[in-house]
Amino acid sequence: MSPKTIFASVALVIALGSLEKSIVTTPLPIIGEEMGAGQALTWVITAYLLAATAVLPVYGKLSDIFGRVKMLNMSVILFVLGSVACGLSQDLTSLVASRILQGIGGGGLIALAFTVIADSIPAREVGKYQGYISAVYAVSSIAGPLLGGFFAEQLSWRWVFWINLPLGGLALWLINTNLKHLSQGRQSPFDWIGAGLLMVLTTLLLLMLSPELTFDRTGVIVLFVVFVMALVLVERKVHDPILPGRLAKLPGYLTCVILICCSQLLMFAVLVYLPLQMQWQQGMSAFDSGLMMMAFMVSITGGAYLGGRRIAKTGYYKSFVVIGFFFAAVGLLALYLGWLPVVALALAGAGLGLTLPSLSVVVQNVLPPEDRGIGTSMFNYGRELGGAIGVAICAMLFHSKVPVVVGDGSTLSPDAIDPQRLEQAFSLIYVGMAGVGVVALIATLVALKGQALSREVKMSSPQPADESK
């Protein structure tokens, strides 16, 4: 099976997982008005993101044991069932519960799509496809709000979920037609206790990082520490832990997970807060700010595509990570200084785009076949977590300058905020993110080592049944 056919078969899976994060945002006010949801409406988005991120490592490990195709089929089916439940929901409680089911399926879409690519395309060549992956993400991010608005205005907001039925059916056909050769697994007991603890830990961590949730986090922090200790004890005793310690010993693996977390942290800082600055401080319309953000998304795609092709041709990747974080830091510093915002956005986007294929090829290159599922999933877990951390840090910086609640408990309107305080808040975000870019650049220079990239896909050999079961 050619790499292009493999990629085409999972591109729709990636698009489904990416599209669902943004397509709900536009019709959200209409959903809230119909269901009388009020401020609790944000849980329609939060519930999906929590569930999808929490199950990422679980899908990866299960695919190592039971094979990619079985778990891909399960994730698509759960995603489609969740979509049906969302479309039939009559109140907010049932909609949030349905979004959790949809997220449990959606987490597997992203995790397993990248693992299939790693199973089928050599590390030296996979960088070329990172540009295509970034293009899928960019198109999904732009098309999501547009489709959501169209369905809500012309048909019904429920079509935001109904559209997943034919797309999910097509994805199942492509998976079972073109990926049947990836059904091999290995005989090993699954670490259910470790998986449960890891999902709880992920949920607690994301709750602590969610800026829109206002509650006393002390109890959550205590629970988080307790579950961390429990997970460590469990993982030391099980035969095949969900988080194998051997991953940490792979050359460059942990470094790449941390660096991709930094890359996504910077990306989401721009994606979330730059449109707010354009609309709140500079008075732009949502459409005009969206056009400016397209420069950022297009440059990310271009950087990933060009960087991936150069890696495939030369075999060198560290220089692209160094250049990428340098460009990102300079671009964010230019935003802080107010110099040519469109150029600064393009520079930062191109830099972050360069880091994507560079870090991906290292992870794929060092992972052994038997740990490729969990290893790739944890790398993507770092990506998702980086976005959440970035939004949380930016919210903290922003609110250190701008209050969000007045005495009677109502939300403060941006129109009532002193423009000077708004400018200070956004400037603090950009200079803080530029500092993160510099730290990531130094970490790359110090910790990321060069290694030869494989031109072949490492295949696992069938393993005998585990006699300890």
Protein backbone atom coordinates (compact mmCIF):
# COMPACT_ATOMS: atom_id res chain seq x y z
CA MET A 1 0.00 0.00 0.00
CA SER A 2 1.52 3.33 -1.06
CA PRO A 3 2.10 6.05 1.57
CA LYS A 4 -0.25 8.38 -0.32
CA THR A 5 -3.08 5.83 -0.12
CA ILE A 6 -2.39 5.31 3.59
CA PHE A 7 -2.47 9.04 4.22
CA ALA A 8 -5.63 9.54 2.18
CA SER A 9 -7.31 6.82 4.25
CA VAL A 10 -6.58 8.55 7.58
CA ALA A 11 -6.87 12.18 6.41
CA LEU A 12 -10.65 12.05 6.84
CA VAL A 13 -10.19 10.59 10.33
CA ILE A 14 -7.88 13.49 11.25
CA ALA A 15 -10.35 15.98 9.75
CA LEU A 16 -13.26 14.52 11.75
CA GLY A 17 -11.35 14.79 15.03
CA SER A 18 -10.14 18.31 14.29
CA LEU A 19 -13.42 19.62 12.86
CA GLU A 20 -15.45 18.65 15.90
CA LYS A 21 -13.39 20.97 18.13
CA SER A 22 -14.39 24.08 16.18
CA ILE A 23 -17.67 23.41 14.37
CA VAL A 24 -19.71 23.74 17.59
CA THR A 25 -18.36 27.17 18.52
CA THR A 26 -20.46 29.19 16.03
CA PRO A 27 -23.94 27.74 16.80
CA LEU A 28 -23.23 27.64 20.54
CA PRO A 29 -25.31 30.78 21.36
CA ILE A 30 -28.28 29.33 19.43
CA ILE A 31 -27.95 26.03 21.32
CA GLY A 32 -27.82 27.90 24.61
CA GLU A 33 -30.90 29.96 23.81
CA GLU A 34 -32.92 26.89 22.78
CA MET A 35 -31.92 24.91 25.88
CA GLY A 36 -31.79 27.78 28.37
CA ALA A 37 -28.24 26.80 29.24
CA GLY A 38 -26.77 30.07 30.52
CA GLN A 39 -23.11 30.05 31.58
CA ALA A 40 -23.07 26.25 31.79
CA LEU A 41 -23.10 26.21 27.99
CA THR A 42 -19.27 26.14 27.89
CA TRP A 43 -19.48 22.51 29.04
CA VAL A 44 -20.64 21.58 25.52
CA ILE A 45 -17.08 22.32 24.40
CA THR A 46 -15.21 21.47 27.61
CA ALA A 47 -16.81 18.01 27.95
CA TYR A 48 -15.62 16.95 24.49
CA LEU A 49 -12.07 18.24 25.02
CA LEU A 50 -11.77 16.61 28.45
CA ALA A 51 -12.96 13.20 27.20
CA ALA A 52 -10.91 13.28 23.99
CA THR A 53 -7.67 14.18 25.77
CA ALA A 54 -8.17 11.73 28.64
CA VAL A 55 -8.51 8.69 26.38
CA LEU A 56 -5.56 9.47 24.07
CA PRO A 57 -3.01 7.22 25.86
CA VAL A 58 -5.60 4.47 26.36
CA TYR A 59 -6.28 4.16 22.64
CA GLY A 60 -2.58 4.07 21.90
CA LYS A 61 -1.91 1.23 24.32
CA LEU A 62 -4.99 -0.74 23.25
CA SER A 63 -3.92 -0.46 19.62
CA ASP A 64 -0.51 -1.91 20.51
CA ILE A 65 -2.27 -4.95 21.96
CA PHE A 66 -5.32 -5.42 19.72
CA GLY A 67 -4.16 -3.79 16.47
CA ARG A 68 -4.82 -0.42 14.85
CA VAL A 69 -7.81 -1.37 12.70
CA LYS A 70 -9.95 -2.73 15.55
CA MET A 71 -9.37 0.35 17.69
CA LEU A 72 -9.90 2.75 14.77
CA ASN A 73 -13.22 1.06 14.03
CA MET A 74 -14.21 1.34 17.68
CA SER A 75 -13.26 5.02 17.89
CA VAL A 76 -15.19 5.95 14.72
CA ILE A 77 -18.26 3.97 15.86
CA LEU A 78 -18.23 5.63 19.30
CA PHE A 79 -17.76 9.02 17.64
CA VAL A 80 -20.73 8.46 15.33
CA LEU A 81 -22.93 7.13 18.17
CA GLY A 82 -22.03 10.19 20.23
CA SER A 83 -22.93 12.40 17.27
CA VAL A 84 -26.35 10.73 16.97
CA ALA A 85 -26.93 11.21 20.70
CA CYS A 86 -25.93 14.89 20.41
CA GLY A 87 -28.33 15.41 17.50
CA LEU A 88 -31.19 13.88 19.50
CA SER A 89 -30.46 15.73 22.77
CA GLN A 90 -33.34 17.75 24.20
CA ASP A 91 -31.62 19.41 27.18
CA LEU A 92 -28.14 20.52 28.23
CA THR A 93 -27.51 17.54 30.51
CA SER A 94 -28.11 15.01 27.77
CA LEU A 95 -26.11 17.09 25.27
CA VAL A 96 -23.07 17.26 27.59
CA ALA A 97 -23.30 13.52 28.29
CA SER A 98 -23.49 12.87 24.54
CA ARG A 99 -20.49 15.10 23.95
CA ILE A 100 -18.52 13.02 26.45
CA LEU A 101 -19.35 9.87 24.46
CA GLN A 102 -18.44 11.66 21.26
CA GLY A 103 -15.15 12.81 22.81
CA ILE A 104 -14.28 9.25 23.89
CA GLY A 105 -14.50 8.30 20.23
CA GLY A 106 -12.88 11.51 18.98
CA GLY A 107 -9.76 11.04 21.09
CA GLY A 108 -9.05 7.80 19.28
CA LEU A 109 -9.41 9.42 15.86
CA ILE A 110 -6.40 11.69 16.30
CA ALA A 111 -4.28 9.25 18.33
CA LEU A 112 -4.65 6.31 15.98
CA ALA A 113 -4.43 8.27 12.73
CA PHE A 114 -0.92 9.41 13.61
CA THR A 115 0.03 5.90 14.73
CA VAL A 116 -1.13 4.46 11.39
CA ILE A 117 1.09 6.98 9.59
CA ALA A 118 4.03 5.96 11.79
CA ASP A 119 3.30 2.29 11.03
CA SER A 120 3.33 2.83 7.28
CA ILE A 121 5.74 5.63 6.38
CA PRO A 122 9.49 5.69 7.22
CA ALA A 123 10.70 8.36 9.66
CA ARG A 124 12.86 9.98 6.96
CA GLU A 125 9.80 10.37 4.69
CA VAL A 126 7.05 11.14 7.20
CA GLY A 127 8.08 14.78 7.45
CA LYS A 128 6.75 15.36 3.92
CA TYR A 129 3.28 14.37 5.07
CA GLN A 130 3.33 16.70 8.08
CA GLY A 131 2.55 19.58 5.75
CA TYR A 132 -0.51 17.75 4.49
CA ILE A 133 -1.54 17.02 8.08
CA SER A 134 -1.15 20.71 8.96
CA ALA A 135 -3.23 21.59 5.90
CA VAL A 136 -5.99 19.25 7.11
CA TYR A 137 -5.89 20.93 10.53
CA ALA A 138 -5.90 24.41 8.99
CA VAL A 139 -8.82 23.70 6.66
CA SER A 140 -10.76 22.06 9.51
CA SER A 141 -10.10 25.01 11.84
CA ILE A 142 -11.32 27.49 9.22
CA ALA A 143 -14.19 25.39 7.83
CA GLY A 144 -15.52 24.39 11.27
CA PRO A 145 -16.95 27.78 12.34
CA LEU A 146 -18.18 28.48 8.78
CA LEU A 147 -20.02 25.15 8.54
CA GLY A 148 -21.40 25.54 12.05
CA GLY A 149 -22.78 28.98 11.22
CA PHE A 150 -24.27 27.76 7.93
CA PHE A 151 -26.02 24.77 9.51
CA ALA A 152 -27.35 26.85 12.41
CA GLU A 153 -28.74 29.60 10.16
CA GLN A 154 -29.92 27.61 7.13
CA LEU A 155 -30.91 24.21 8.58
CA SER A 156 -30.58 23.45 12.29
CA TRP A 157 -27.74 23.38 14.79
CA ARG A 158 -28.34 19.62 15.03
CA TRP A 159 -26.81 19.25 11.56
CA VAL A 160 -23.49 20.09 13.20
CA PHE A 161 -23.69 16.53 14.52
CA TRP A 162 -25.71 14.82 11.76
CA ILE A 163 -22.97 15.61 9.22
CA ASN A 164 -20.69 13.19 11.07
CA LEU A 165 -22.84 10.20 10.07
CA PRO A 166 -21.99 10.08 6.34
CA LEU A 167 -18.42 11.21 7.01
CA GLY A 168 -17.99 8.54 9.68
CA GLY A 169 -19.39 5.90 7.34
CA LEU A 170 -16.91 6.91 4.64
CA ALA A 171 -14.07 6.81 7.18
CA LEU A 172 -15.04 3.26 8.20
CA TRP A 173 -15.05 2.14 4.57
CA LEU A 174 -11.60 3.63 3.93
CA ILE A 175 -10.17 2.11 7.12
CA ASN A 176 -11.44 -1.40 6.39
CA THR A 177 -10.55 -1.23 2.71
CA ASN A 178 -7.01 0.18 2.86
CA LEU A 179 -5.69 -0.53 6.36
CA LYS A 180 -6.46 -4.23 6.85
CA HIS A 181 -2.74 -5.03 6.94
CA LEU A 182 -2.45 -3.11 10.24
CA SER A 183 -4.58 -5.50 12.27
CA GLN A 184 -1.66 -7.24 14.01
CA GLY A 185 -1.40 -6.81 17.76
CA ARG A 186 0.41 -8.63 20.53
CA GLN A 187 -0.67 -10.84 23.39
CA SER A 188 -0.43 -8.96 26.66
CA PRO A 189 -2.75 -8.10 29.57
CA PHE A 190 -4.07 -4.56 29.48
CA ASP A 191 -3.34 -2.29 32.44
CA TRP A 192 -6.94 -1.29 33.21
CA ILE A 193 -6.17 0.16 36.64
CA GLY A 194 -3.34 2.28 35.29
CA ALA A 195 -5.52 3.42 32.38
CA GLY A 196 -8.32 4.46 34.75
CA LEU A 197 -5.92 6.36 37.00
CA LEU A 198 -4.34 8.11 34.02
CA MET A 199 -7.74 9.21 32.68
CA VAL A 200 -8.72 10.58 36.10
CA LEU A 201 -5.40 12.41 36.37
CA THR A 202 -5.84 13.95 32.93
CA THR A 203 -9.36 15.11 33.77
CA LEU A 204 -8.21 16.67 37.06
CA LEU A 205 -5.28 18.40 35.36
CA LEU A 206 -7.45 19.87 32.60
CA LEU A 207 -10.01 21.04 35.17
CA MET A 208 -7.24 22.83 37.05
CA LEU A 209 -6.04 24.46 33.84
CA SER A 210 -9.47 25.50 32.51
CA PRO A 211 -9.68 29.30 32.84
CA GLU A 212 -13.46 29.39 32.30
CA LEU A 213 -14.10 27.25 35.40
CA THR A 214 -14.15 29.26 38.62
CA PHE A 215 -13.88 27.13 41.75
CA ASP A 216 -11.50 26.46 44.61
CA ARG A 217 -8.78 24.28 43.09
CA THR A 218 -7.23 23.21 46.43
CA GLY A 219 -9.22 19.99 46.66
CA VAL A 220 -8.53 19.16 43.02
CA ILE A 221 -4.79 19.63 43.58
CA VAL A 222 -4.85 17.31 46.59
CA LEU A 223 -6.73 14.66 44.60
CA PHE A 224 -4.27 15.05 41.73
CA VAL A 225 -1.28 14.37 44.00
CA VAL A 226 -3.00 11.33 45.53
CA PHE A 227 -3.78 9.84 42.12
CA VAL A 228 -0.23 10.50 40.89
CA MET A 229 1.18 8.48 43.79
CA ALA A 230 -1.35 5.72 43.16
CA LEU A 231 -0.43 5.60 39.45
CA VAL A 232 3.29 5.33 40.26
CA LEU A 233 2.65 2.41 42.63
CA VAL A 234 0.45 0.58 40.12
CA GLU A 235 2.81 1.07 37.18
CA ARG A 236 5.71 -0.44 39.14
CA LYS A 237 3.86 -3.68 39.75
CA VAL A 238 2.01 -4.48 36.50
CA HIS A 239 3.56 -6.66 33.79
CA ASP A 240 2.85 -4.29 30.87
CA PRO A 241 2.14 -0.78 32.25
CA ILE A 242 0.16 1.73 30.24
CA LEU A 243 3.10 4.13 30.66
CA PRO A 244 6.20 1.98 30.04
CA GLY A 245 9.26 3.40 31.78
CA ARG A 246 11.37 2.37 28.80
CA LEU A 247 9.89 5.24 26.77
CA ALA A 248 11.75 7.74 28.95
CA LYS A 249 15.04 6.02 28.07
CA LEU A 250 14.59 6.41 24.31
CA PRO A 251 17.01 9.04 22.95
CA GLY A 252 15.25 12.35 22.49
CA TYR A 253 11.74 11.07 23.18
CA LEU A 254 10.94 13.04 26.36
CA THR A 255 12.69 16.09 24.94
CA CYS A 256 10.42 16.01 21.89
CA VAL A 257 7.28 15.59 24.03
CA ILE A 258 8.26 18.66 26.08
CA LEU A 259 9.16 20.68 22.99
CA ILE A 260 5.93 19.85 21.15
CA CYS A 261 4.09 20.91 24.30
CA CYS A 262 5.90 24.28 24.10
CA SER A 263 5.14 24.58 20.38
CA GLN A 264 1.41 24.04 20.89
CA LEU A 265 1.45 26.32 23.94
CA LEU A 266 2.67 29.18 21.75
CA MET A 267 0.29 28.28 18.90
CA PHE A 268 -2.85 28.30 21.05
CA ALA A 269 -1.78 31.51 22.79
CA VAL A 270 -1.92 33.25 19.41
CA LEU A 271 -5.02 31.43 18.16
CA VAL A 272 -7.08 32.35 21.22
CA TYR A 273 -5.85 35.78 22.28
CA LEU A 274 -4.85 37.59 19.09
CA PRO A 275 -8.46 37.63 17.73
CA LEU A 276 -9.59 38.98 21.10
CA GLN A 277 -7.05 41.80 20.86
CA MET A 278 -8.10 42.65 17.31
CA GLN A 279 -11.77 42.83 18.25
CA TRP A 280 -11.61 44.25 21.78
CA GLN A 281 -8.68 46.63 21.56
CA GLN A 282 -8.47 47.49 17.86
CA GLY A 283 -12.21 47.36 17.06
CA MET A 284 -11.95 44.91 14.15
CA SER A 285 -14.89 42.79 13.10
CA ALA A 286 -14.83 39.05 13.67
CA PHE A 287 -14.50 38.54 9.91
CA ASP A 288 -11.51 40.88 9.55
CA SER A 289 -9.73 39.32 12.51
CA GLY A 290 -10.39 35.91 10.96
CA LEU A 291 -8.71 37.03 7.75
CA MET A 292 -5.61 38.07 9.68
CA MET A 293 -5.54 34.75 11.49
CA MET A 294 -5.52 33.00 8.13
CA ALA A 295 -1.99 34.38 7.63
CA PHE A 296 -0.99 32.52 10.79
CA MET A 297 -2.64 29.24 9.77
CA VAL A 298 -1.31 29.36 6.19
CA SER A 299 2.23 30.06 7.42
CA ILE A 300 2.04 27.11 9.85
CA THR A 301 1.03 24.84 6.99
CA GLY A 302 3.74 26.24 4.73
CA GLY A 303 6.42 25.90 7.39
CA ALA A 304 5.45 22.30 8.12
CA TYR A 305 5.36 21.40 4.43
CA LEU A 306 8.70 22.97 3.52
CA GLY A 307 10.40 21.73 6.68
CA GLY A 308 9.13 18.20 6.12
CA ARG A 309 10.39 18.10 2.55
CA ARG A 310 13.83 19.36 3.56
CA ILE A 311 14.06 16.75 6.32
CA ALA A 312 13.17 14.02 3.84
CA LYS A 313 15.85 15.28 1.47
CA THR A 314 18.68 15.99 3.92
CA GLY A 315 17.92 13.84 6.97
CA TYR A 316 18.65 16.79 9.30
CA TYR A 317 15.99 18.04 11.69
CA LYS A 318 17.52 19.80 14.73
CA SER A 319 18.32 22.96 12.79
CA PHE A 320 14.65 23.29 11.82
CA VAL A 321 13.55 23.11 15.46
CA VAL A 322 16.13 25.77 16.39
CA ILE A 323 15.10 28.05 13.52
CA GLY A 324 11.43 27.38 14.26
CA PHE A 325 11.52 28.47 17.89
CA PHE A 326 13.75 31.43 16.96
CA PHE A 327 11.21 32.63 14.38
CA ALA A 328 8.36 32.07 16.84
CA ALA A 329 10.10 34.09 19.57
CA VAL A 330 10.93 36.94 17.15
CA GLY A 331 7.38 36.97 15.77
CA LEU A 332 5.84 37.13 19.24
CA LEU A 333 8.27 39.87 20.26
CA ALA A 334 7.23 41.82 17.16
CA LEU A 335 3.58 41.43 18.19
CA TYR A 336 4.51 42.77 21.63
CA LEU A 337 6.18 45.80 20.03
CA GLY A 338 3.33 46.27 17.53
CA TRP A 339 5.57 45.91 14.46
CA LEU A 340 3.80 44.82 11.27
CA PRO A 341 1.31 42.38 12.85
CA VAL A 342 0.65 40.41 9.65
CA VAL A 343 4.38 39.86 9.05
CA ALA A 344 4.89 38.98 12.72
CA LEU A 345 2.04 36.45 12.53
CA ALA A 346 3.46 34.88 9.38
CA LEU A 347 6.93 34.65 10.94
CA ALA A 348 5.65 33.07 14.16
CA GLY A 349 3.42 30.67 12.22
CA ALA A 350 6.21 29.57 9.89
CA GLY A 351 8.47 28.96 12.88
CA LEU A 352 5.92 26.84 14.71
CA GLY A 353 5.21 24.99 11.48
CA LEU A 354 8.89 24.07 11.17
CA THR A 355 8.85 22.41 14.59
CA LEU A 356 6.00 20.02 13.76
CA PRO A 357 7.67 17.62 11.28
CA SER A 358 11.04 17.95 12.99
CA LEU A 359 9.82 16.68 16.35
CA SER A 360 7.47 14.09 14.83
CA VAL A 361 10.23 12.34 12.89
CA VAL A 362 12.39 11.94 16.01
CA VAL A 363 9.57 10.30 17.93
CA GLN A 364 8.74 7.93 15.10
CA ASN A 365 12.42 7.12 14.58
CA VAL A 366 13.11 6.00 18.14
CA LEU A 367 9.86 4.18 19.00
CA PRO A 368 10.01 0.37 18.82
CA PRO A 369 7.06 -1.22 16.97
CA GLU A 370 5.58 -2.76 20.12
CA ASP A 371 5.32 0.69 21.80
CA ARG A 372 4.49 2.77 18.73
CA GLY A 373 0.83 3.16 19.68
CA ILE A 374 1.33 4.38 23.25
CA GLY A 375 4.47 6.34 22.32
CA THR A 376 2.78 8.23 19.49
CA SER A 377 -0.32 8.80 21.62
CA MET A 378 1.72 10.28 24.47
CA PHE A 379 3.42 12.59 21.98
CA ASN A 380 0.00 13.79 20.79
CA TYR A 381 -1.09 13.94 24.43
CA GLY A 382 1.74 16.45 24.92
CA ARG A 383 0.39 18.45 21.98
CA GLU A 384 -3.13 18.62 23.41
CA LEU A 385 -1.87 19.38 26.91
CA GLY A 386 0.36 22.15 25.56
CA GLY A 387 -2.66 23.92 24.08
CA ALA A 388 -4.53 23.74 27.39
CA ILE A 389 -1.50 24.98 29.33
CA GLY A 390 -1.01 27.83 26.87
CA VAL A 391 -4.58 29.06 27.22
CA ALA A 392 -4.38 28.79 31.02
CA ILE A 393 -1.09 30.73 31.26
CA CYS A 394 -2.37 33.44 28.92
CA ALA A 395 -5.59 33.75 30.92
CA MET A 396 -3.55 34.19 34.10
CA LEU A 397 -1.38 36.88 32.48
CA PHE A 398 -4.38 38.64 30.96
CA HIS A 399 -6.42 38.70 34.15
CA SER A 400 -3.46 39.99 36.14
CA LYS A 401 -4.05 43.27 34.26
CA VAL A 402 -7.75 43.13 33.45
CA PRO A 403 -10.49 42.22 35.96
CA VAL A 404 -13.20 39.92 34.65
CA VAL A 405 -15.80 40.14 37.41
CA VAL A 406 -17.40 43.20 39.02
CA GLY A 407 -18.91 43.46 42.45
CA ASP A 408 -22.34 42.06 41.60
CA GLY A 409 -20.81 38.95 40.04
CA SER A 410 -21.67 39.77 36.42
CA THR A 411 -19.11 39.45 33.65
CA LEU A 412 -17.32 42.69 32.80
CA SER A 413 -17.90 43.85 29.22
CA PRO A 414 -14.78 44.54 27.13
CA ASP A 415 -16.28 47.95 26.24
CA ALA A 416 -16.08 48.92 29.91
CA ILE A 417 -12.39 48.06 30.25
CA ASP A 418 -9.80 50.81 30.14
CA PRO A 419 -8.13 50.56 26.68
CA GLN A 420 -4.72 51.11 28.27
CA ARG A 421 -5.23 48.13 30.57
CA LEU A 422 -6.29 46.03 27.60
CA GLU A 423 -3.10 46.98 25.77
CA GLN A 424 -0.98 46.14 28.82
CA ALA A 425 -2.69 42.76 29.20
CA PHE A 426 -2.17 41.67 25.60
CA SER A 427 1.39 42.98 25.60
CA LEU A 428 2.13 40.95 28.72
CA ILE A 429 0.85 37.81 26.96
CA TYR A 430 3.07 38.32 23.91
CA VAL A 431 6.24 39.11 25.83
CA GLY A 432 5.57 36.14 28.12
CA MET A 433 5.09 33.81 25.14
CA ALA A 434 8.24 35.22 23.50
CA GLY A 435 10.05 34.22 26.70
CA VAL A 436 8.65 30.69 26.41
CA GLY A 437 9.94 30.58 22.83
CA VAL A 438 13.43 31.55 23.99
CA VAL A 439 13.38 28.88 26.71
CA ALA A 440 12.29 26.26 24.15
CA LEU A 441 15.08 27.41 21.82
CA ILE A 442 17.70 26.98 24.56
CA ALA A 443 16.26 23.58 25.52
CA THR A 444 16.51 22.48 21.88
CA LEU A 445 20.15 23.54 21.62
CA VAL A 446 21.07 21.78 24.88
CA ALA A 447 18.90 18.65 24.99
CA LEU A 448 17.94 17.64 21.44
CA LYS A 449 20.60 15.43 19.87
CA GLY A 450 21.00 14.61 16.20
CA GLN A 451 20.46 11.03 15.01
CA ALA A 452 20.22 9.22 11.69
CA LEU A 453 16.65 8.85 10.44
CA SER A 454 15.48 5.45 9.26
CA ARG A 455 14.49 5.01 5.61
CA GLU A 456 12.43 1.90 6.44
CA VAL A 457 9.47 1.16 8.65
CA LYS A 458 10.37 -1.07 11.58
CA MET A 459 7.91 -3.94 11.80
CA SER A 460 7.17 -5.98 14.91
CA SER A 461 7.40 -9.74 14.85
CA PRO A 462 4.53 -11.87 16.16
CA GLN A 463 4.88 -12.50 19.88
CA PRO A 464 3.91 -15.62 21.78
CA ALA A 465 1.10 -15.50 24.26
CA ASP A 466 1.98 -14.13 27.65
CA GLU A 467 2.11 -17.09 30.03
CA SER A 468 1.55 -14.89 33.06
CA LYS A 469 -2.01 -14.12 31.98
